[in-house]
């Protein structure tokens, strides 16, 4: 077995008096595809936001490729990580958000080129070449000079994926990327994620309500409930054969809505 690329060790997260995560222990291995499912408020998005350094754990450790994400050594003891350390450790992580977060005043090609040039200090010609490759990969090679306002929601989400892929992450995080889309646009976005997953190179963590998609793409499905991991296993075991009553109730609600 290869060493995990990410480890959560007894991670807790509270917002005021509300305990959102209550001792998460989770290993993610290189190239592994994990679907996080669970009711609203169960802690799914909080897990990936902490990995992206958008939320800080209340306690516990997150290890990325052997480095402590939120703590650093100083004077022989662990202290709270500074911004330079956070940027360095999260450099291998990409994230696609629910609401695109594209720069409206830039073309989609410029949206993709910005981070490689300014964050990775890549030269403009190289950043442009790879950005075009990634936009072609997500089916938008004919839209390079378009602005976000000229695209559909599904196209914007595909630009957001291309922008993340340009950074060559070892792990990609997807936060309910289809939930803000019109139903007829969901399929095109899921197809791109499926293609990326089948290439097999990156670890992926997907917060999703698309159960059939999770069954098809994920290596593992993790069911979060009230801040704890209630089920963790192969997709067919979790989604089709589990006896967990809370999970059954959750899945039943989704089936009745579809």
C-alpha atoms as a PDB file:
ATOM      1  CA  UNK A   1       0.000   0.000   0.000  1.00  0.00           C
ATOM      2  CA  UNK A   2       1.247   3.479  -0.862  1.00  0.00           C
ATOM      3  CA  UNK A   3       1.460   6.096   1.856  1.00  0.00           C
ATOM      4  CA  UNK A   4      -1.555   8.423   2.108  1.00  0.00           C
ATOM      5  CA  UNK A   5      -1.261  11.753   0.303  1.00  0.00           C
ATOM      6  CA  UNK A   6      -3.584  13.261   2.950  1.00  0.00           C
ATOM      7  CA  UNK A   7      -4.298  12.260   6.549  1.00  0.00           C
ATOM      8  CA  UNK A   8      -6.876  13.704   8.924  1.00  0.00           C
ATOM      9  CA  UNK A   9      -5.974  12.799  12.507  1.00  0.00           C
ATOM     10  CA  UNK A  10      -8.723  13.321  15.109  1.00  0.00           C
ATOM     11  CA  UNK A  11      -9.824  16.571  13.453  1.00  0.00           C
ATOM     12  CA  UNK A  12     -12.477  18.623  15.222  1.00  0.00           C
ATOM     13  CA  UNK A  13     -14.109  21.820  14.014  1.00  0.00           C
ATOM     14  CA  UNK A  14     -16.477  24.055  15.934  1.00  0.00           C
ATOM     15  CA  UNK A  15     -18.214  27.258  14.913  1.00  0.00           C
ATOM     16  CA  UNK A  16     -19.030  28.947  18.192  1.00  0.00           C
ATOM     17  CA  UNK A  17     -21.009  26.434  20.234  1.00  0.00           C
ATOM     18  CA  UNK A  18     -21.737  24.206  17.224  1.00  0.00           C
ATOM     19  CA  UNK A  19     -19.503  21.144  16.803  1.00  0.00           C
ATOM     20  CA  UNK A  20     -19.424  20.508  13.050  1.00  0.00           C
ATOM     21  CA  UNK A  21     -16.704  17.833  12.996  1.00  0.00           C
ATOM     22  CA  UNK A  22     -16.214  15.498  15.951  1.00  0.00           C
ATOM     23  CA  UNK A  23     -12.969  13.610  15.522  1.00  0.00           C
ATOM     24  CA  UNK A  24     -12.428  12.861  11.833  1.00  0.00           C
ATOM     25  CA  UNK A  25      -9.815  10.225  10.976  1.00  0.00           C
ATOM     26  CA  UNK A  26      -9.378   9.846   7.240  1.00  0.00           C
ATOM     27  CA  UNK A  27      -6.606   8.709   4.883  1.00  0.00           C
ATOM     28  CA  UNK A  28      -6.645   9.635   1.194  1.00  0.00           C
ATOM     29  CA  UNK A  29      -4.210   7.755  -1.030  1.00  0.00           C
ATOM     30  CA  UNK A  30      -2.610   8.953  -4.275  1.00  0.00           C
ATOM     31  CA  UNK A  31      -5.044   8.769  -7.219  1.00  0.00           C
ATOM     32  CA  UNK A  32      -7.893   7.614  -4.943  1.00  0.00           C
ATOM     33  CA  UNK A  33     -11.386   8.913  -5.760  1.00  0.00           C
ATOM     34  CA  UNK A  34     -13.556   9.584  -2.695  1.00  0.00           C
ATOM     35  CA  UNK A  35     -17.174  10.729  -2.675  1.00  0.00           C
ATOM     36  CA  UNK A  36     -18.366  12.510   0.478  1.00  0.00           C
ATOM     37  CA  UNK A  37     -22.107  12.253   1.014  1.00  0.00           C
ATOM     38  CA  UNK A  38     -24.404  13.187   3.851  1.00  0.00           C
ATOM     39  CA  UNK A  39     -27.142  15.583   4.930  1.00  0.00           C
ATOM     40  CA  UNK A  40     -26.657  19.342   4.963  1.00  0.00           C
ATOM     41  CA  UNK A  41     -24.632  20.385   7.985  1.00  0.00           C
ATOM     42  CA  UNK A  42     -22.922  17.008   8.371  1.00  0.00           C
ATOM     43  CA  UNK A  43     -19.457  18.499   7.769  1.00  0.00           C
ATOM     44  CA  UNK A  44     -18.716  17.504   4.152  1.00  0.00           C
ATOM     45  CA  UNK A  45     -17.780  20.920   2.835  1.00  0.00           C
ATOM     46  CA  UNK A  46     -15.951  21.802   6.055  1.00  0.00           C
ATOM     47  CA  UNK A  47     -13.568  18.877   5.465  1.00  0.00           C
ATOM     48  CA  UNK A  48     -12.491  20.076   2.036  1.00  0.00           C
ATOM     49  CA  UNK A  49     -12.436  23.748   3.060  1.00  0.00           C
ATOM     50  CA  UNK A  50      -9.952  22.852   5.817  1.00  0.00           C
ATOM     51  CA  UNK A  51      -7.819  20.984   3.299  1.00  0.00           C
ATOM     52  CA  UNK A  52      -7.866  24.080   1.075  1.00  0.00           C
ATOM     53  CA  UNK A  53      -6.931  26.204   4.161  1.00  0.00           C
ATOM     54  CA  UNK A  54     -10.205  28.129   3.998  1.00  0.00           C
ATOM     55  CA  UNK A  55     -11.193  26.908   7.479  1.00  0.00           C
ATOM     56  CA  UNK A  56      -8.851  26.105  10.355  1.00  0.00           C
ATOM     57  CA  UNK A  57      -9.371  22.987  12.510  1.00  0.00           C
ATOM     58  CA  UNK A  58     -10.287  23.595  16.137  1.00  0.00           C
ATOM     59  CA  UNK A  59      -8.038  20.650  17.036  1.00  0.00           C
ATOM     60  CA  UNK A  60      -6.351  17.672  15.427  1.00  0.00           C
ATOM     61  CA  UNK A  61      -3.893  17.459  12.545  1.00  0.00           C
ATOM     62  CA  UNK A  62      -4.108  17.436   8.752  1.00  0.00           C
ATOM     63  CA  UNK A  63      -1.027  15.974   7.051  1.00  0.00           C
ATOM     64  CA  UNK A  64      -0.386  16.568   3.322  1.00  0.00           C
ATOM     65  CA  UNK A  65       2.436  14.529   1.762  1.00  0.00           C
ATOM     66  CA  UNK A  66       4.075  14.167   5.158  1.00  0.00           C
ATOM     67  CA  UNK A  67       3.851  17.873   6.069  1.00  0.00           C
ATOM     68  CA  UNK A  68       1.593  19.219   8.795  1.00  0.00           C
ATOM     69  CA  UNK A  69      -0.777  21.622   7.031  1.00  0.00           C
ATOM     70  CA  UNK A  70      -1.920  23.838   9.877  1.00  0.00           C
ATOM     71  CA  UNK A  71       1.160  23.648  12.115  1.00  0.00           C
ATOM     72  CA  UNK A  72       4.861  24.241  11.562  1.00  0.00           C
ATOM     73  CA  UNK A  73       7.980  23.669  13.621  1.00  0.00           C
ATOM     74  CA  UNK A  74       9.609  26.702  15.181  1.00  0.00           C
ATOM     75  CA  UNK A  75      12.200  26.609  17.926  1.00  0.00           C
ATOM     76  CA  UNK A  76      11.745  22.863  18.349  1.00  0.00           C
ATOM     77  CA  UNK A  77       7.981  22.960  18.888  1.00  0.00           C
ATOM     78  CA  UNK A  78       4.853  23.039  16.776  1.00  0.00           C
ATOM     79  CA  UNK A  79       3.256  26.436  16.293  1.00  0.00           C
ATOM     80  CA  UNK A  80       0.387  27.737  14.161  1.00  0.00           C
ATOM     81  CA  UNK A  81       1.376  27.774  10.485  1.00  0.00           C
ATOM     82  CA  UNK A  82       2.042  31.101   8.811  1.00  0.00           C
ATOM     83  CA  UNK A  83       0.699  31.989   5.365  1.00  0.00           C
ATOM     84  CA  UNK A  84       3.935  31.031   3.605  1.00  0.00           C
ATOM     85  CA  UNK A  85       3.808  27.521   5.101  1.00  0.00           C
ATOM     86  CA  UNK A  86       0.106  27.132   4.251  1.00  0.00           C
ATOM     87  CA  UNK A  87       0.712  28.173   0.639  1.00  0.00           C
ATOM     88  CA  UNK A  88       3.645  25.776   0.322  1.00  0.00           C
ATOM     89  CA  UNK A  89       1.822  22.713   1.676  1.00  0.00           C
ATOM     90  CA  UNK A  90      -1.464  23.332  -0.160  1.00  0.00           C
ATOM     91  CA  UNK A  91       0.393  23.905  -3.428  1.00  0.00           C
ATOM     92  CA  UNK A  92      -0.498  20.397  -4.613  1.00  0.00           C
ATOM     93  CA  UNK A  93      -4.234  20.898  -4.012  1.00  0.00           C
ATOM     94  CA  UNK A  94      -6.821  22.264  -6.443  1.00  0.00           C
ATOM     95  CA  UNK A  95     -10.451  23.062  -5.759  1.00  0.00           C
ATOM     96  CA  UNK A  96     -13.541  23.617  -7.866  1.00  0.00           C
ATOM     97  CA  UNK A  97     -16.241  25.558  -6.053  1.00  0.00           C
ATOM     98  CA  UNK A  98     -19.994  25.463  -6.311  1.00  0.00           C
ATOM     99  CA  UNK A  99     -20.156  29.001  -7.703  1.00  0.00           C
ATOM    100  CA  UNK A 100     -17.325  29.113 -10.271  1.00  0.00           C
ATOM    101  CA  UNK A 101     -15.532  32.227  -8.864  1.00  0.00           C
ATOM    102  CA  UNK A 102     -14.274  33.329 -12.291  1.00  0.00           C
ATOM    103  CA  UNK A 103     -12.867  36.806 -12.884  1.00  0.00           C
ATOM    104  CA  UNK A 104     -15.611  38.550 -14.913  1.00  0.00           C
ATOM    105  CA  UNK A 105     -13.251  41.102 -16.523  1.00  0.00           C
ATOM    106  CA  UNK A 106     -10.947  38.400 -17.957  1.00  0.00           C
ATOM    107  CA  UNK A 107     -11.446  36.053 -20.901  1.00  0.00           C
ATOM    108  CA  UNK A 108     -11.636  32.389 -19.996  1.00  0.00           C
ATOM    109  CA  UNK A 109      -8.096  31.903 -21.305  1.00  0.00           C
ATOM    110  CA  UNK A 110      -6.865  34.727 -19.069  1.00  0.00           C
ATOM    111  CA  UNK A 111      -8.772  33.205 -16.130  1.00  0.00           C
ATOM    112  CA  UNK A 112      -6.779  30.002 -16.587  1.00  0.00           C
ATOM    113  CA  UNK A 113      -3.405  31.674 -17.164  1.00  0.00           C
ATOM    114  CA  UNK A 114      -3.430  33.962 -14.127  1.00  0.00           C
ATOM    115  CA  UNK A 115      -2.507  31.494 -11.368  1.00  0.00           C
ATOM    116  CA  UNK A 116       0.341  29.701 -13.202  1.00  0.00           C
ATOM    117  CA  UNK A 117       1.935  33.060 -14.011  1.00  0.00           C
ATOM    118  CA  UNK A 118       1.468  34.764 -10.635  1.00  0.00           C
ATOM    119  CA  UNK A 119       1.536  31.816  -8.220  1.00  0.00           C
ATOM    120  CA  UNK A 120       3.862  29.329  -9.928  1.00  0.00           C
ATOM    121  CA  UNK A 121       5.929  32.049 -11.687  1.00  0.00           C
ATOM    122  CA  UNK A 122       5.533  30.273 -15.019  1.00  0.00           C
ATOM    123  CA  UNK A 123       6.363  32.186 -18.185  1.00  0.00           C
ATOM    124  CA  UNK A 124       3.417  33.504 -20.164  1.00  0.00           C
ATOM    125  CA  UNK A 125       3.932  31.358 -23.271  1.00  0.00           C
ATOM    126  CA  UNK A 126       4.042  28.123 -21.272  1.00  0.00           C
ATOM    127  CA  UNK A 127       1.021  29.128 -19.152  1.00  0.00           C
ATOM    128  CA  UNK A 128      -0.927  30.004 -22.294  1.00  0.00           C
ATOM    129  CA  UNK A 129      -0.087  26.699 -23.981  1.00  0.00           C
ATOM    130  CA  UNK A 130      -1.153  24.592 -21.011  1.00  0.00           C
ATOM    131  CA  UNK A 131      -4.269  26.685 -20.399  1.00  0.00           C
ATOM    132  CA  UNK A 132      -5.381  26.109 -23.980  1.00  0.00           C
ATOM    133  CA  UNK A 133      -4.745  22.371 -23.569  1.00  0.00           C
ATOM    134  CA  UNK A 134      -6.880  22.251 -20.420  1.00  0.00           C
ATOM    135  CA  UNK A 135      -9.705  24.293 -21.959  1.00  0.00           C
ATOM    136  CA  UNK A 136      -9.691  21.924 -24.919  1.00  0.00           C
ATOM    137  CA  UNK A 137      -9.759  19.015 -22.467  1.00  0.00           C
ATOM    138  CA  UNK A 138     -13.005  20.326 -20.948  1.00  0.00           C
ATOM    139  CA  UNK A 139     -14.508  21.007 -24.381  1.00  0.00           C
ATOM    140  CA  UNK A 140     -14.061  24.774 -24.507  1.00  0.00           C
ATOM    141  CA  UNK A 141     -11.223  25.165 -26.995  1.00  0.00           C
ATOM    142  CA  UNK A 142     -13.499  27.317 -29.190  1.00  0.00           C
ATOM    143  CA  UNK A 143     -14.320  29.786 -26.366  1.00  0.00           C
ATOM    144  CA  UNK A 144     -10.839  31.056 -25.452  1.00  0.00           C
ATOM    145  CA  UNK A 145     -11.646  34.731 -26.003  1.00  0.00           C
ATOM    146  CA  UNK A 146     -15.120  34.648 -24.470  1.00  0.00           C
ATOM    147  CA  UNK A 147     -15.873  36.293 -21.132  1.00  0.00           C
ATOM    148  CA  UNK A 148     -17.676  34.454 -18.317  1.00  0.00           C
ATOM    149  CA  UNK A 149     -20.863  36.461 -18.942  1.00  0.00           C
ATOM    150  CA  UNK A 150     -21.052  34.912 -22.428  1.00  0.00           C
ATOM    151  CA  UNK A 151     -21.076  31.326 -21.086  1.00  0.00           C
ATOM    152  CA  UNK A 152     -23.718  29.026 -19.648  1.00  0.00           C
ATOM    153  CA  UNK A 153     -23.455  27.842 -16.053  1.00  0.00           C
ATOM    154  CA  UNK A 154     -22.143  24.469 -17.189  1.00  0.00           C
ATOM    155  CA  UNK A 155     -19.496  26.117 -19.356  1.00  0.00           C
ATOM    156  CA  UNK A 156     -18.417  28.370 -16.466  1.00  0.00           C
ATOM    157  CA  UNK A 157     -18.032  25.329 -14.234  1.00  0.00           C
ATOM    158  CA  UNK A 158     -15.906  23.632 -16.883  1.00  0.00           C
ATOM    159  CA  UNK A 159     -13.692  26.735 -17.056  1.00  0.00           C
ATOM    160  CA  UNK A 160     -13.295  26.511 -13.281  1.00  0.00           C
ATOM    161  CA  UNK A 161     -12.150  22.902 -13.689  1.00  0.00           C
ATOM    162  CA  UNK A 162      -9.671  23.819 -16.423  1.00  0.00           C
ATOM    163  CA  UNK A 163      -8.316  26.621 -14.233  1.00  0.00           C
ATOM    164  CA  UNK A 164      -7.711  24.163 -11.386  1.00  0.00           C
ATOM    165  CA  UNK A 165      -6.188  21.517 -13.673  1.00  0.00           C
ATOM    166  CA  UNK A 166      -3.684  24.003 -15.113  1.00  0.00           C
ATOM    167  CA  UNK A 167      -1.985  24.072 -11.701  1.00  0.00           C
ATOM    168  CA  UNK A 168      -1.194  20.327 -11.968  1.00  0.00           C
ATOM    169  CA  UNK A 169      -2.643  19.389  -8.560  1.00  0.00           C
ATOM    170  CA  UNK A 170      -2.056  15.983  -7.005  1.00  0.00           C
ATOM    171  CA  UNK A 171      -5.429  16.171  -5.305  1.00  0.00           C
ATOM    172  CA  UNK A 172      -8.559  17.894  -6.591  1.00  0.00           C
ATOM    173  CA  UNK A 173     -11.491  18.911  -4.429  1.00  0.00           C
ATOM    174  CA  UNK A 174     -15.007  19.334  -5.838  1.00  0.00           C
ATOM    175  CA  UNK A 175     -17.604  21.059  -3.660  1.00  0.00           C
ATOM    176  CA  UNK A 176     -21.077  20.154  -4.954  1.00  0.00           C
ATOM    177  CA  UNK A 177     -20.093  21.561  -8.331  1.00  0.00           C
ATOM    178  CA  UNK A 178     -23.415  20.708  -9.989  1.00  0.00           C
ATOM    179  CA  UNK A 179     -25.799  21.973  -7.302  1.00  0.00           C
ATOM    180  CA  UNK A 180     -25.983  25.533  -8.683  1.00  0.00           C
ATOM    181  CA  UNK A 181     -26.584  24.371 -12.263  1.00  0.00           C
ATOM    182  CA  UNK A 182     -29.820  23.964 -14.192  1.00  0.00           C
ATOM    183  CA  UNK A 183     -30.656  20.238 -14.411  1.00  0.00           C
ATOM    184  CA  UNK A 184     -29.964  20.044 -18.150  1.00  0.00           C
ATOM    185  CA  UNK A 185     -26.393  21.310 -17.595  1.00  0.00           C
ATOM    186  CA  UNK A 186     -25.461  18.822 -14.860  1.00  0.00           C
ATOM    187  CA  UNK A 187     -24.612  16.006 -17.250  1.00  0.00           C
ATOM    188  CA  UNK A 188     -21.977  17.939 -19.202  1.00  0.00           C
ATOM    189  CA  UNK A 189     -20.089  18.827 -16.017  1.00  0.00           C
ATOM    190  CA  UNK A 190     -20.268  15.314 -14.596  1.00  0.00           C
ATOM    191  CA  UNK A 191     -18.952  13.947 -17.899  1.00  0.00           C
ATOM    192  CA  UNK A 192     -15.830  16.112 -17.623  1.00  0.00           C
ATOM    193  CA  UNK A 193     -15.249  15.022 -14.014  1.00  0.00           C
ATOM    194  CA  UNK A 194     -15.749  11.397 -15.082  1.00  0.00           C
ATOM    195  CA  UNK A 195     -13.112  11.805 -17.811  1.00  0.00           C
ATOM    196  CA  UNK A 196     -10.652  13.335 -15.331  1.00  0.00           C
ATOM    197  CA  UNK A 197     -11.337  10.540 -12.836  1.00  0.00           C
ATOM    198  CA  UNK A 198     -10.804   7.800 -15.423  1.00  0.00           C
ATOM    199  CA  UNK A 199      -7.380   9.207 -16.295  1.00  0.00           C
ATOM    200  CA  UNK A 200      -6.511   8.100 -12.788  1.00  0.00           C
ATOM    201  CA  UNK A 201      -3.637  10.470 -12.090  1.00  0.00           C
ATOM    202  CA  UNK A 202      -5.075  12.671  -9.348  1.00  0.00           C
ATOM    203  CA  UNK A 203      -6.635  11.947  -6.012  1.00  0.00           C
ATOM    204  CA  UNK A 204     -10.134  13.417  -5.969  1.00  0.00           C
ATOM    205  CA  UNK A 205     -12.555  14.252  -3.172  1.00  0.00           C
ATOM    206  CA  UNK A 206     -16.068  14.997  -4.356  1.00  0.00           C
ATOM    207  CA  UNK A 207     -18.780  16.417  -2.129  1.00  0.00           C
ATOM    208  CA  UNK A 208     -21.800  15.331  -4.122  1.00  0.00           C
ATOM    209  CA  UNK A 209     -25.483  14.510  -4.088  1.00  0.00           C
ATOM    210  CA  UNK A 210     -25.212  12.623  -7.382  1.00  0.00           C
ATOM    211  CA  UNK A 211     -25.443   9.075  -6.047  1.00  0.00           C
ATOM    212  CA  UNK A 212     -25.326   7.277  -9.397  1.00  0.00           C
ATOM    213  CA  UNK A 213     -22.245   9.289 -10.277  1.00  0.00           C
ATOM    214  CA  UNK A 214     -20.590   8.377  -6.966  1.00  0.00           C
ATOM    215  CA  UNK A 215     -21.365   4.720  -7.591  1.00  0.00           C
ATOM    216  CA  UNK A 216     -19.781   4.942 -11.044  1.00  0.00           C
ATOM    217  CA  UNK A 217     -16.670   7.034 -10.344  1.00  0.00           C
ATOM    218  CA  UNK A 218     -15.631   6.709  -6.689  1.00  0.00           C
ATOM    219  CA  UNK A 219     -13.257   4.141  -5.189  1.00  0.00           C
ATOM    220  CA  UNK A 220     -14.754   4.875  -1.767  1.00  0.00           C
ATOM    221  CA  UNK A 221     -17.911   6.522  -0.513  1.00  0.00           C
ATOM    222  CA  UNK A 222     -17.900   8.164   2.906  1.00  0.00           C
ATOM    223  CA  UNK A 223     -21.182   8.976   4.625  1.00  0.00           C
ATOM    224  CA  UNK A 224     -20.907  11.814   7.124  1.00  0.00           C
ATOM    225  CA  UNK A 225     -23.603  12.239   9.720  1.00  0.00           C
ATOM    226  CA  UNK A 226     -23.624  14.799  12.527  1.00  0.00           C
ATOM    227  CA  UNK A 227     -19.902  15.443  12.236  1.00  0.00           C
ATOM    228  CA  UNK A 228     -18.642  11.855  12.254  1.00  0.00           C
ATOM    229  CA  UNK A 229     -17.836   9.282   9.581  1.00  0.00           C
ATOM    230  CA  UNK A 230     -20.774   6.908   9.867  1.00  0.00           C
ATOM    231  CA  UNK A 231     -19.931   4.713   6.839  1.00  0.00           C
ATOM    232  CA  UNK A 232     -16.749   4.318   4.769  1.00  0.00           C
ATOM    233  CA  UNK A 233     -16.377   1.672   2.103  1.00  0.00           C
ATOM    234  CA  UNK A 234     -16.704   0.603  -1.502  1.00  0.00           C
ATOM    235  CA  UNK A 235     -19.472   2.491  -3.343  1.00  0.00           C
ATOM    236  CA  UNK A 236     -21.691  -0.565  -3.803  1.00  0.00           C
ATOM    237  CA  UNK A 237     -21.322  -1.550  -0.123  1.00  0.00           C
ATOM    238  CA  UNK A 238     -22.239   1.916   1.148  1.00  0.00           C
ATOM    239  CA  UNK A 239     -24.884   2.876  -1.407  1.00  0.00           C
ATOM    240  CA  UNK A 240     -26.548  -0.491  -2.020  1.00  0.00           C
ATOM    241  CA  UNK A 241     -25.890  -2.875   0.872  1.00  0.00           C
ATOM    242  CA  UNK A 242     -25.508  -0.820   4.063  1.00  0.00           C
ATOM    243  CA  UNK A 243     -27.789  -1.480   7.032  1.00  0.00           C
ATOM    244  CA  UNK A 244     -27.085   1.926   8.596  1.00  0.00           C
ATOM    245  CA  UNK A 245     -30.523   3.373   9.347  1.00  0.00           C
ATOM    246  CA  UNK A 246     -29.402   7.006   9.071  1.00  0.00           C
ATOM    247  CA  UNK A 247     -27.820   6.294   5.696  1.00  0.00           C
ATOM    248  CA  UNK A 248     -30.903   4.428   4.491  1.00  0.00           C
ATOM    249  CA  UNK A 249     -33.093   7.369   5.494  1.00  0.00           C
ATOM    250  CA  UNK A 250     -30.755   9.806   3.722  1.00  0.00           C
ATOM    251  CA  UNK A 251     -30.690   7.756   0.508  1.00  0.00           C
ATOM    252  CA  UNK A 252     -34.452   7.249   0.605  1.00  0.00           C
ATOM    253  CA  UNK A 253     -35.002  11.017   0.638  1.00  0.00           C
ATOM    254  CA  UNK A 254     -32.867  11.368  -2.473  1.00  0.00           C
ATOM    255  CA  UNK A 255     -34.599   8.543  -4.313  1.00  0.00           C
ATOM    256  CA  UNK A 256     -38.009   9.999  -3.525  1.00  0.00           C
ATOM    257  CA  UNK A 257     -36.916  13.405  -4.882  1.00  0.00           C
ATOM    258  CA  UNK A 258     -35.529  12.017  -8.142  1.00  0.00           C
END
